[in-house]
C-alpha atoms as a PDB file:
ATOM      1  CA  UNK A   1       0.000   0.000   0.000  1.00  0.00           C
ATOM      2  CA  UNK A   2       1.652   3.226  -1.089  1.00  0.00           C
ATOM      3  CA  UNK A   3       1.455   6.208   1.255  1.00  0.00           C
ATOM      4  CA  UNK A   4       0.124   9.595   0.208  1.00  0.00           C
ATOM      5  CA  UNK A   5       2.474  12.571   0.393  1.00  0.00           C
ATOM      6  CA  UNK A   6      -0.213  14.887   1.767  1.00  0.00           C
ATOM      7  CA  UNK A   7      -3.680  14.840   3.265  1.00  0.00           C
ATOM      8  CA  UNK A   8      -6.269  14.807   0.451  1.00  0.00           C
ATOM      9  CA  UNK A   9      -8.868  17.576   0.314  1.00  0.00           C
ATOM     10  CA  UNK A  10     -12.216  16.227  -0.887  1.00  0.00           C
ATOM     11  CA  UNK A  11     -15.200  18.337  -1.927  1.00  0.00           C
ATOM     12  CA  UNK A  12     -18.275  16.281  -1.009  1.00  0.00           C
ATOM     13  CA  UNK A  13     -20.373  18.197  -3.557  1.00  0.00           C
ATOM     14  CA  UNK A  14     -18.621  16.435  -6.441  1.00  0.00           C
ATOM     15  CA  UNK A  15     -19.769  13.521  -8.561  1.00  0.00           C
ATOM     16  CA  UNK A  16     -21.073  10.757  -6.276  1.00  0.00           C
ATOM     17  CA  UNK A  17     -18.872   8.016  -7.705  1.00  0.00           C
ATOM     18  CA  UNK A  18     -15.784  10.231  -7.695  1.00  0.00           C
ATOM     19  CA  UNK A  19     -16.382  11.341  -4.103  1.00  0.00           C
ATOM     20  CA  UNK A  20     -16.909   7.756  -2.962  1.00  0.00           C
ATOM     21  CA  UNK A  21     -13.710   6.647  -4.683  1.00  0.00           C
ATOM     22  CA  UNK A  22     -11.761   9.564  -3.191  1.00  0.00           C
ATOM     23  CA  UNK A  23     -12.941   8.804   0.334  1.00  0.00           C
ATOM     24  CA  UNK A  24     -12.181   5.119  -0.011  1.00  0.00           C
ATOM     25  CA  UNK A  25      -8.707   5.802  -1.378  1.00  0.00           C
ATOM     26  CA  UNK A  26      -7.947   8.314   1.384  1.00  0.00           C
ATOM     27  CA  UNK A  27      -9.040   5.869   4.087  1.00  0.00           C
ATOM     28  CA  UNK A  28      -7.072   3.040   2.501  1.00  0.00           C
ATOM     29  CA  UNK A  29      -3.838   4.956   2.022  1.00  0.00           C
ATOM     30  CA  UNK A  30      -3.584   7.434   4.882  1.00  0.00           C
ATOM     31  CA  UNK A  31      -6.736   7.227   7.006  1.00  0.00           C
ATOM     32  CA  UNK A  32      -7.315  10.992   6.901  1.00  0.00           C
ATOM     33  CA  UNK A  33      -9.046  13.500   4.638  1.00  0.00           C
ATOM     34  CA  UNK A  34     -10.058  17.150   4.802  1.00  0.00           C
ATOM     35  CA  UNK A  35     -13.639  17.473   3.565  1.00  0.00           C
ATOM     36  CA  UNK A  36     -15.330  20.583   2.218  1.00  0.00           C
ATOM     37  CA  UNK A  37     -18.813  21.009   0.757  1.00  0.00           C
ATOM     38  CA  UNK A  38     -20.217  19.037   3.704  1.00  0.00           C
ATOM     39  CA  UNK A  39     -23.385  21.105   4.053  1.00  0.00           C
ATOM     40  CA  UNK A  40     -22.997  21.948   7.754  1.00  0.00           C
ATOM     41  CA  UNK A  41     -24.041  25.561   8.220  1.00  0.00           C
ATOM     42  CA  UNK A  42     -21.284  27.940   9.283  1.00  0.00           C
ATOM     43  CA  UNK A  43     -23.523  29.309  12.017  1.00  0.00           C
ATOM     44  CA  UNK A  44     -23.558  25.896  13.686  1.00  0.00           C
ATOM     45  CA  UNK A  45     -19.760  25.859  13.728  1.00  0.00           C
ATOM     46  CA  UNK A  46     -19.712  29.317  15.280  1.00  0.00           C
ATOM     47  CA  UNK A  47     -22.212  28.128  17.876  1.00  0.00           C
ATOM     48  CA  UNK A  48     -20.255  25.037  18.913  1.00  0.00           C
ATOM     49  CA  UNK A  49     -16.967  26.980  19.073  1.00  0.00           C
ATOM     50  CA  UNK A  50     -18.667  29.586  21.260  1.00  0.00           C
ATOM     51  CA  UNK A  51     -20.012  26.790  23.475  1.00  0.00           C
ATOM     52  CA  UNK A  52     -16.516  25.343  23.897  1.00  0.00           C
ATOM     53  CA  UNK A  53     -15.056  28.736  24.758  1.00  0.00           C
ATOM     54  CA  UNK A  54     -17.871  29.367  27.239  1.00  0.00           C
ATOM     55  CA  UNK A  55     -17.091  26.124  29.023  1.00  0.00           C
ATOM     56  CA  UNK A  56     -13.332  26.660  29.195  1.00  0.00           C
ATOM     57  CA  UNK A  57     -13.838  30.239  30.428  1.00  0.00           C
ATOM     58  CA  UNK A  58     -15.429  28.912  33.623  1.00  0.00           C
ATOM     59  CA  UNK A  59     -13.486  28.665  36.848  1.00  0.00           C
ATOM     60  CA  UNK A  60     -11.794  25.393  37.751  1.00  0.00           C
ATOM     61  CA  UNK A  61     -14.393  24.834  40.469  1.00  0.00           C
ATOM     62  CA  UNK A  62     -17.253  25.332  38.018  1.00  0.00           C
ATOM     63  CA  UNK A  63     -15.749  23.026  35.402  1.00  0.00           C
ATOM     64  CA  UNK A  64     -15.220  20.308  37.991  1.00  0.00           C
ATOM     65  CA  UNK A  65     -18.961  20.294  38.672  1.00  0.00           C
ATOM     66  CA  UNK A  66     -19.161  18.159  35.529  1.00  0.00           C
ATOM     67  CA  UNK A  67     -16.140  15.947  36.306  1.00  0.00           C
ATOM     68  CA  UNK A  68     -16.561  12.202  36.911  1.00  0.00           C
ATOM     69  CA  UNK A  69     -15.892  10.650  40.306  1.00  0.00           C
ATOM     70  CA  UNK A  70     -12.149  10.552  39.703  1.00  0.00           C
ATOM     71  CA  UNK A  71     -12.047  14.348  40.159  1.00  0.00           C
ATOM     72  CA  UNK A  72     -15.356  15.032  41.882  1.00  0.00           C
ATOM     73  CA  UNK A  73     -16.391  12.880  44.843  1.00  0.00           C
ATOM     74  CA  UNK A  74     -19.997  14.111  44.545  1.00  0.00           C
ATOM     75  CA  UNK A  75     -20.321  13.018  40.911  1.00  0.00           C
ATOM     76  CA  UNK A  76     -22.739  10.354  39.734  1.00  0.00           C
ATOM     77  CA  UNK A  77     -21.114  10.022  36.302  1.00  0.00           C
ATOM     78  CA  UNK A  78     -18.056   7.849  35.674  1.00  0.00           C
ATOM     79  CA  UNK A  79     -17.502   8.017  31.925  1.00  0.00           C
ATOM     80  CA  UNK A  80     -18.682  11.369  30.548  1.00  0.00           C
ATOM     81  CA  UNK A  81     -17.691  14.783  31.791  1.00  0.00           C
ATOM     82  CA  UNK A  82     -14.725  17.080  32.408  1.00  0.00           C
ATOM     83  CA  UNK A  83     -11.096  16.082  32.696  1.00  0.00           C
ATOM     84  CA  UNK A  84      -8.507  18.639  33.841  1.00  0.00           C
ATOM     85  CA  UNK A  85      -5.257  19.549  32.097  1.00  0.00           C
ATOM     86  CA  UNK A  86      -3.152  17.717  34.678  1.00  0.00           C
ATOM     87  CA  UNK A  87      -4.345  14.415  33.170  1.00  0.00           C
ATOM     88  CA  UNK A  88      -2.221  14.470  30.051  1.00  0.00           C
ATOM     89  CA  UNK A  89      -1.475  17.994  28.921  1.00  0.00           C
ATOM     90  CA  UNK A  90      -4.988  18.951  27.839  1.00  0.00           C
ATOM     91  CA  UNK A  91      -8.351  19.613  29.435  1.00  0.00           C
ATOM     92  CA  UNK A  92     -11.614  18.551  27.928  1.00  0.00           C
ATOM     93  CA  UNK A  93     -15.306  17.813  28.197  1.00  0.00           C
ATOM     94  CA  UNK A  94     -16.933  14.627  26.899  1.00  0.00           C
ATOM     95  CA  UNK A  95     -20.626  14.786  26.011  1.00  0.00           C
ATOM     96  CA  UNK A  96     -23.004  12.086  24.832  1.00  0.00           C
ATOM     97  CA  UNK A  97     -26.242  12.479  22.905  1.00  0.00           C
ATOM     98  CA  UNK A  98     -28.343  15.085  24.735  1.00  0.00           C
ATOM     99  CA  UNK A  99     -31.515  13.201  23.712  1.00  0.00           C
ATOM    100  CA  UNK A 100     -30.553  10.130  25.761  1.00  0.00           C
ATOM    101  CA  UNK A 101     -33.224   9.391  28.372  1.00  0.00           C
ATOM    102  CA  UNK A 102     -33.677   5.622  28.225  1.00  0.00           C
ATOM    103  CA  UNK A 103     -33.293   3.909  31.599  1.00  0.00           C
ATOM    104  CA  UNK A 104     -32.434   0.562  29.975  1.00  0.00           C
ATOM    105  CA  UNK A 105     -29.563   2.113  28.042  1.00  0.00           C
ATOM    106  CA  UNK A 106     -28.513   4.222  31.020  1.00  0.00           C
ATOM    107  CA  UNK A 107     -27.974   1.007  32.968  1.00  0.00           C
ATOM    108  CA  UNK A 108     -25.201   0.021  30.560  1.00  0.00           C
ATOM    109  CA  UNK A 109     -21.578   1.021  31.340  1.00  0.00           C
ATOM    110  CA  UNK A 110     -20.983   3.752  28.738  1.00  0.00           C
ATOM    111  CA  UNK A 111     -24.344   5.504  28.634  1.00  0.00           C
ATOM    112  CA  UNK A 112     -24.762   8.504  30.940  1.00  0.00           C
ATOM    113  CA  UNK A 113     -26.778  11.683  31.044  1.00  0.00           C
ATOM    114  CA  UNK A 114     -24.641  14.729  30.389  1.00  0.00           C
ATOM    115  CA  UNK A 115     -23.638  16.711  33.461  1.00  0.00           C
ATOM    116  CA  UNK A 116     -22.605  20.299  32.734  1.00  0.00           C
ATOM    117  CA  UNK A 117     -21.988  23.298  35.006  1.00  0.00           C
ATOM    118  CA  UNK A 118     -25.053  25.292  35.993  1.00  0.00           C
ATOM    119  CA  UNK A 119     -23.287  28.496  34.879  1.00  0.00           C
ATOM    120  CA  UNK A 120     -23.747  27.568  31.215  1.00  0.00           C
ATOM    121  CA  UNK A 121     -26.836  29.084  29.625  1.00  0.00           C
ATOM    122  CA  UNK A 122     -29.336  27.675  27.158  1.00  0.00           C
ATOM    123  CA  UNK A 123     -27.203  28.646  24.147  1.00  0.00           C
ATOM    124  CA  UNK A 124     -24.674  25.998  25.204  1.00  0.00           C
ATOM    125  CA  UNK A 125     -27.280  23.225  25.186  1.00  0.00           C
ATOM    126  CA  UNK A 126     -28.772  24.466  21.903  1.00  0.00           C
ATOM    127  CA  UNK A 127     -25.354  24.380  20.224  1.00  0.00           C
ATOM    128  CA  UNK A 128     -24.630  20.837  21.444  1.00  0.00           C
ATOM    129  CA  UNK A 129     -27.983  19.507  20.251  1.00  0.00           C
ATOM    130  CA  UNK A 130     -27.575  21.225  16.869  1.00  0.00           C
ATOM    131  CA  UNK A 131     -24.112  19.721  16.480  1.00  0.00           C
ATOM    132  CA  UNK A 132     -25.348  16.183  17.124  1.00  0.00           C
ATOM    133  CA  UNK A 133     -28.243  16.766  14.723  1.00  0.00           C
ATOM    134  CA  UNK A 134     -25.921  17.971  11.939  1.00  0.00           C
ATOM    135  CA  UNK A 135     -22.851  15.767  12.325  1.00  0.00           C
ATOM    136  CA  UNK A 136     -24.560  12.433  12.958  1.00  0.00           C
ATOM    137  CA  UNK A 137     -26.067  12.207   9.432  1.00  0.00           C
ATOM    138  CA  UNK A 138     -22.852  13.550   7.889  1.00  0.00           C
ATOM    139  CA  UNK A 139     -20.814  10.898   9.672  1.00  0.00           C
ATOM    140  CA  UNK A 140     -23.322   8.212   8.728  1.00  0.00           C
ATOM    141  CA  UNK A 141     -23.114   9.220   5.085  1.00  0.00           C
ATOM    142  CA  UNK A 142     -19.309   9.101   5.040  1.00  0.00           C
ATOM    143  CA  UNK A 143     -19.298   5.729   6.828  1.00  0.00           C
ATOM    144  CA  UNK A 144     -21.836   4.378   4.351  1.00  0.00           C
ATOM    145  CA  UNK A 145     -19.721   5.550   1.405  1.00  0.00           C
ATOM    146  CA  UNK A 146     -16.628   3.909   2.886  1.00  0.00           C
ATOM    147  CA  UNK A 147     -18.348   0.612   3.678  1.00  0.00           C
ATOM    148  CA  UNK A 148     -19.976   0.482   0.235  1.00  0.00           C
ATOM    149  CA  UNK A 149     -16.725  -1.110  -0.947  1.00  0.00           C
ATOM    150  CA  UNK A 150     -16.905  -3.830   1.719  1.00  0.00           C
ATOM    151  CA  UNK A 151     -18.933  -7.022   1.556  1.00  0.00           C
ATOM    152  CA  UNK A 152     -20.933  -6.294   4.696  1.00  0.00           C
ATOM    153  CA  UNK A 153     -24.562  -5.812   5.684  1.00  0.00           C
ATOM    154  CA  UNK A 154     -25.847  -2.685   3.888  1.00  0.00           C
ATOM    155  CA  UNK A 155     -28.062  -1.888   6.859  1.00  0.00           C
ATOM    156  CA  UNK A 156     -25.269  -1.859   9.445  1.00  0.00           C
ATOM    157  CA  UNK A 157     -24.830   1.929   9.374  1.00  0.00           C
ATOM    158  CA  UNK A 158     -28.577   2.586   9.534  1.00  0.00           C
ATOM    159  CA  UNK A 159     -28.961   0.436  12.644  1.00  0.00           C
ATOM    160  CA  UNK A 160     -25.714   1.326  14.385  1.00  0.00           C
ATOM    161  CA  UNK A 161     -25.970   5.112  14.623  1.00  0.00           C
ATOM    162  CA  UNK A 162     -29.648   5.636  15.416  1.00  0.00           C
ATOM    163  CA  UNK A 163     -30.069   8.503  17.865  1.00  0.00           C
ATOM    164  CA  UNK A 164     -30.028   8.425  20.820  1.00  0.00           C
ATOM    165  CA  UNK A 165     -28.978   4.766  21.039  1.00  0.00           C
ATOM    166  CA  UNK A 166     -25.503   5.312  19.572  1.00  0.00           C
ATOM    167  CA  UNK A 167     -22.562   6.006  21.875  1.00  0.00           C
ATOM    168  CA  UNK A 168     -21.228   8.902  19.787  1.00  0.00           C
ATOM    169  CA  UNK A 169     -19.113  11.355  21.789  1.00  0.00           C
ATOM    170  CA  UNK A 170     -18.691  15.086  21.283  1.00  0.00           C
ATOM    171  CA  UNK A 171     -15.528  16.385  22.910  1.00  0.00           C
ATOM    172  CA  UNK A 172     -14.165  19.852  23.584  1.00  0.00           C
ATOM    173  CA  UNK A 173     -10.348  19.840  23.851  1.00  0.00           C
ATOM    174  CA  UNK A 174      -8.243  22.752  25.031  1.00  0.00           C
ATOM    175  CA  UNK A 175      -4.449  22.547  24.937  1.00  0.00           C
ATOM    176  CA  UNK A 176      -2.865  25.238  27.166  1.00  0.00           C
ATOM    177  CA  UNK A 177       0.570  26.310  25.906  1.00  0.00           C
ATOM    178  CA  UNK A 178       2.176  25.596  29.267  1.00  0.00           C
ATOM    179  CA  UNK A 179       1.185  21.914  29.325  1.00  0.00           C
ATOM    180  CA  UNK A 180       3.175  20.593  26.360  1.00  0.00           C
ATOM    181  CA  UNK A 181       4.560  17.138  27.118  1.00  0.00           C
ATOM    182  CA  UNK A 182       8.333  16.680  26.981  1.00  0.00           C
ATOM    183  CA  UNK A 183       9.393  13.602  25.045  1.00  0.00           C
ATOM    184  CA  UNK A 184      11.637  10.937  26.532  1.00  0.00           C
ATOM    185  CA  UNK A 185      13.395  10.866  23.165  1.00  0.00           C
ATOM    186  CA  UNK A 186      15.788  13.852  22.929  1.00  0.00           C
ATOM    187  CA  UNK A 187      15.402  13.818  19.143  1.00  0.00           C
ATOM    188  CA  UNK A 188      11.611  13.974  19.265  1.00  0.00           C
ATOM    189  CA  UNK A 189       9.565  17.164  19.675  1.00  0.00           C
ATOM    190  CA  UNK A 190       7.523  18.129  22.713  1.00  0.00           C
ATOM    191  CA  UNK A 191       3.847  17.365  22.187  1.00  0.00           C
ATOM    192  CA  UNK A 192       0.415  18.662  23.103  1.00  0.00           C
ATOM    193  CA  UNK A 193      -0.940  15.141  22.569  1.00  0.00           C
ATOM    194  CA  UNK A 194       1.065  11.952  22.245  1.00  0.00           C
ATOM    195  CA  UNK A 195       0.714   9.737  19.187  1.00  0.00           C
ATOM    196  CA  UNK A 196      -2.423   7.628  19.346  1.00  0.00           C
ATOM    197  CA  UNK A 197      -5.146   5.872  17.352  1.00  0.00           C
ATOM    198  CA  UNK A 198      -8.842   6.683  17.626  1.00  0.00           C
ATOM    199  CA  UNK A 199     -11.078   3.813  18.716  1.00  0.00           C
ATOM    200  CA  UNK A 200     -14.355   4.807  17.054  1.00  0.00           C
ATOM    201  CA  UNK A 201     -15.664   4.263  13.519  1.00  0.00           C
ATOM    202  CA  UNK A 202     -14.912   7.753  12.197  1.00  0.00           C
ATOM    203  CA  UNK A 203     -13.869  11.058  13.750  1.00  0.00           C
ATOM    204  CA  UNK A 204     -15.092  14.376  12.350  1.00  0.00           C
ATOM    205  CA  UNK A 205     -12.821  17.093  13.696  1.00  0.00           C
ATOM    206  CA  UNK A 206     -12.819  20.850  13.800  1.00  0.00           C
ATOM    207  CA  UNK A 207      -9.388  22.214  14.675  1.00  0.00           C
ATOM    208  CA  UNK A 208      -8.784  25.933  15.031  1.00  0.00           C
ATOM    209  CA  UNK A 209      -6.308  27.901  12.936  1.00  0.00           C
ATOM    210  CA  UNK A 210      -3.510  27.096  15.387  1.00  0.00           C
ATOM    211  CA  UNK A 211      -3.133  23.764  13.584  1.00  0.00           C
ATOM    212  CA  UNK A 212      -0.638  21.369  15.143  1.00  0.00           C
ATOM    213  CA  UNK A 213      -2.198  18.059  14.081  1.00  0.00           C
ATOM    214  CA  UNK A 214       0.168  15.603  12.377  1.00  0.00           C
ATOM    215  CA  UNK A 215      -0.371  12.167  10.818  1.00  0.00           C
ATOM    216  CA  UNK A 216       2.153   9.376  10.352  1.00  0.00           C
ATOM    217  CA  UNK A 217       2.299   8.061   6.807  1.00  0.00           C
ATOM    218  CA  UNK A 218       2.851   4.445   5.842  1.00  0.00           C
ATOM    219  CA  UNK A 219       6.524   5.246   5.182  1.00  0.00           C
ATOM    220  CA  UNK A 220       6.831   6.490   8.789  1.00  0.00           C
ATOM    221  CA  UNK A 221       6.958  10.250   8.113  1.00  0.00           C
ATOM    222  CA  UNK A 222       4.973  12.827  10.070  1.00  0.00           C
ATOM    223  CA  UNK A 223       3.003  15.259   7.912  1.00  0.00           C
ATOM    224  CA  UNK A 224       0.837  18.241   8.855  1.00  0.00           C
ATOM    225  CA  UNK A 225      -2.933  18.221   8.524  1.00  0.00           C
ATOM    226  CA  UNK A 226      -3.771  21.576   6.935  1.00  0.00           C
ATOM    227  CA  UNK A 227      -6.157  24.052   8.482  1.00  0.00           C
ATOM    228  CA  UNK A 228      -8.901  24.968   6.030  1.00  0.00           C
ATOM    229  CA  UNK A 229     -11.565  27.328   7.298  1.00  0.00           C
ATOM    230  CA  UNK A 230     -14.970  25.676   7.566  1.00  0.00           C
ATOM    231  CA  UNK A 231     -13.694  22.221   6.620  1.00  0.00           C
ATOM    232  CA  UNK A 232     -13.746  19.039   8.682  1.00  0.00           C
ATOM    233  CA  UNK A 233     -10.895  16.630   9.168  1.00  0.00           C
ATOM    234  CA  UNK A 234     -12.161  13.053   8.924  1.00  0.00           C
ATOM    235  CA  UNK A 235     -10.146  10.067  10.070  1.00  0.00           C
ATOM    236  CA  UNK A 236     -10.589   6.346  10.548  1.00  0.00           C
ATOM    237  CA  UNK A 237     -10.789   4.606  13.917  1.00  0.00           C
ATOM    238  CA  UNK A 238     -10.022   1.092  15.067  1.00  0.00           C
ATOM    239  CA  UNK A 239     -13.665   0.048  14.860  1.00  0.00           C
ATOM    240  CA  UNK A 240     -13.745   0.890  11.143  1.00  0.00           C
ATOM    241  CA  UNK A 241     -10.458  -0.946  10.692  1.00  0.00           C
ATOM    242  CA  UNK A 242     -12.083  -4.082  12.105  1.00  0.00           C
ATOM    243  CA  UNK A 243     -15.319  -3.598  10.156  1.00  0.00           C
ATOM    244  CA  UNK A 244     -13.376  -3.234   6.908  1.00  0.00           C
ATOM    245  CA  UNK A 245     -11.156  -6.257   7.471  1.00  0.00           C
ATOM    246  CA  UNK A 246      -8.139  -3.914   7.764  1.00  0.00           C
ATOM    247  CA  UNK A 247      -8.866  -2.261   4.427  1.00  0.00           C
ATOM    248  CA  UNK A 248      -9.182   1.077   6.259  1.00  0.00           C
ATOM    249  CA  UNK A 249      -6.525   1.033   8.983  1.00  0.00           C
ATOM    250  CA  UNK A 250      -6.667   3.460  11.885  1.00  0.00           C
ATOM    251  CA  UNK A 251      -3.816   5.945  11.587  1.00  0.00           C
ATOM    252  CA  UNK A 252      -1.394   7.169  14.223  1.00  0.00           C
ATOM    253  CA  UNK A 253      -1.639  10.922  14.837  1.00  0.00           C
ATOM    254  CA  UNK A 254      -0.300  13.472  17.320  1.00  0.00           C
ATOM    255  CA  UNK A 255      -0.500  17.187  18.148  1.00  0.00           C
ATOM    256  CA  UNK A 256       2.499  19.525  18.219  1.00  0.00           C
ATOM    257  CA  UNK A 257       2.572  22.575  20.519  1.00  0.00           C
ATOM    258  CA  UNK A 258       1.220  25.797  19.046  1.00  0.00           C
ATOM    259  CA  UNK A 259       1.955  29.458  19.768  1.00  0.00           C
ATOM    260  CA  UNK A 260      -1.383  30.005  21.511  1.00  0.00           C
ATOM    261  CA  UNK A 261      -3.759  27.682  23.322  1.00  0.00           C
ATOM    262  CA  UNK A 262      -5.303  25.267  20.831  1.00  0.00           C
ATOM    263  CA  UNK A 263      -8.982  24.339  20.586  1.00  0.00           C
ATOM    264  CA  UNK A 264     -10.198  21.205  18.859  1.00  0.00           C
ATOM    265  CA  UNK A 265     -13.681  19.731  18.704  1.00  0.00           C
ATOM    266  CA  UNK A 266     -13.748  16.061  17.676  1.00  0.00           C
ATOM    267  CA  UNK A 267     -17.026  14.258  17.038  1.00  0.00           C
ATOM    268  CA  UNK A 268     -16.344  10.569  17.602  1.00  0.00           C
ATOM    269  CA  UNK A 269     -18.908   8.634  15.564  1.00  0.00           C
ATOM    270  CA  UNK A 270     -19.669   5.540  17.631  1.00  0.00           C
ATOM    271  CA  UNK A 271     -22.351   2.871  17.169  1.00  0.00           C
ATOM    272  CA  UNK A 272     -24.792   1.521  19.744  1.00  0.00           C
ATOM    273  CA  UNK A 273     -23.403  -0.757  22.441  1.00  0.00           C
ATOM    274  CA  UNK A 274     -24.510  -4.033  20.821  1.00  0.00           C
ATOM    275  CA  UNK A 275     -23.423  -3.236  17.265  1.00  0.00           C
ATOM    276  CA  UNK A 276     -21.166  -6.054  16.025  1.00  0.00           C
ATOM    277  CA  UNK A 277     -17.534  -5.070  15.534  1.00  0.00           C
ATOM    278  CA  UNK A 278     -15.896  -8.196  14.197  1.00  0.00           C
ATOM    279  CA  UNK A 279     -16.374 -10.935  16.784  1.00  0.00           C
ATOM    280  CA  UNK A 280     -17.413  -8.645  19.638  1.00  0.00           C
ATOM    281  CA  UNK A 281     -19.868  -5.918  20.505  1.00  0.00           C
ATOM    282  CA  UNK A 282     -18.900  -2.255  20.408  1.00  0.00           C
ATOM    283  CA  UNK A 283     -19.246  -2.173  24.199  1.00  0.00           C
ATOM    284  CA  UNK A 284     -16.505  -4.815  24.513  1.00  0.00           C
ATOM    285  CA  UNK A 285     -14.413  -2.993  21.914  1.00  0.00           C
ATOM    286  CA  UNK A 286     -14.619   0.329  23.753  1.00  0.00           C
ATOM    287  CA  UNK A 287     -13.938  -1.300  27.135  1.00  0.00           C
ATOM    288  CA  UNK A 288     -10.507  -2.365  25.893  1.00  0.00           C
ATOM    289  CA  UNK A 289      -9.887   0.995  24.226  1.00  0.00           C
ATOM    290  CA  UNK A 290     -10.674   3.002  27.364  1.00  0.00           C
ATOM    291  CA  UNK A 291      -8.044   1.119  29.353  1.00  0.00           C
ATOM    292  CA  UNK A 292      -5.354   2.621  27.107  1.00  0.00           C
ATOM    293  CA  UNK A 293      -6.381   6.295  27.351  1.00  0.00           C
ATOM    294  CA  UNK A 294      -5.250   8.476  30.267  1.00  0.00           C
ATOM    295  CA  UNK A 295      -8.462  10.536  30.139  1.00  0.00           C
ATOM    296  CA  UNK A 296     -10.424   7.450  31.186  1.00  0.00           C
ATOM    297  CA  UNK A 297      -8.044   5.435  33.347  1.00  0.00           C
ATOM    298  CA  UNK A 298      -9.351   4.952  36.914  1.00  0.00           C
ATOM    299  CA  UNK A 299     -12.546   6.915  36.330  1.00  0.00           C
END
């Protein structure tokens, strides 16, 4: 499999067959693409960025109102919520589908009602709901186009991502400049985020103009993911790698320090807990994945 020299930029408004082929090739060869023409209104992006800034502008005490038990002894949530920058160089907030209100699902390990600080006003909740409503069908469409090349059940995507039964996660990440992680390798750069693979099916990411995101190519080089205003970065996760029989491998990526604090907003497209991922359920798949991520260890 030959590696691409740069991240492809794909306009989703193009010819259907050409777009499908471009997405499949990008996922096969590098696991990343920058997509334009996605149809998500610019006002929604402004709204979700404002929501992220509103959250991170709160005091530490206010933010920790939404932290799981690891950082908040009064918390009822274990999986979703706030994690502080002392975890691994970044602070963040994990949110599930705001429509979730099913007691049967809520009894399962990775379903929880969102807990957010009381200081946040209604515009925050409106922005989160609008983001789920816009990005879920976009992610489904991209996943369907990718899996069209695979001999699998054509209805898998339709069943797996039904709201609010899917486990899709919206995350706000903030990387303060003072929390860059020094590398043990003297020849390697300091990092905002160490090299890692995503565990989901697909990630749809907004990164701000600070940039910093890098991807490792198949010939072991690190290349920059370009910032393109209004575009989304889309990348493969380990669940898609399994679903595709390794045709679409998850790709190692990292974040370099930037001049100013960096904001990123990933939307991790995840199926419902009992969706089959190879020989296991997604719940079993994510249980193993969580044990490798410092944001979730010992929650």
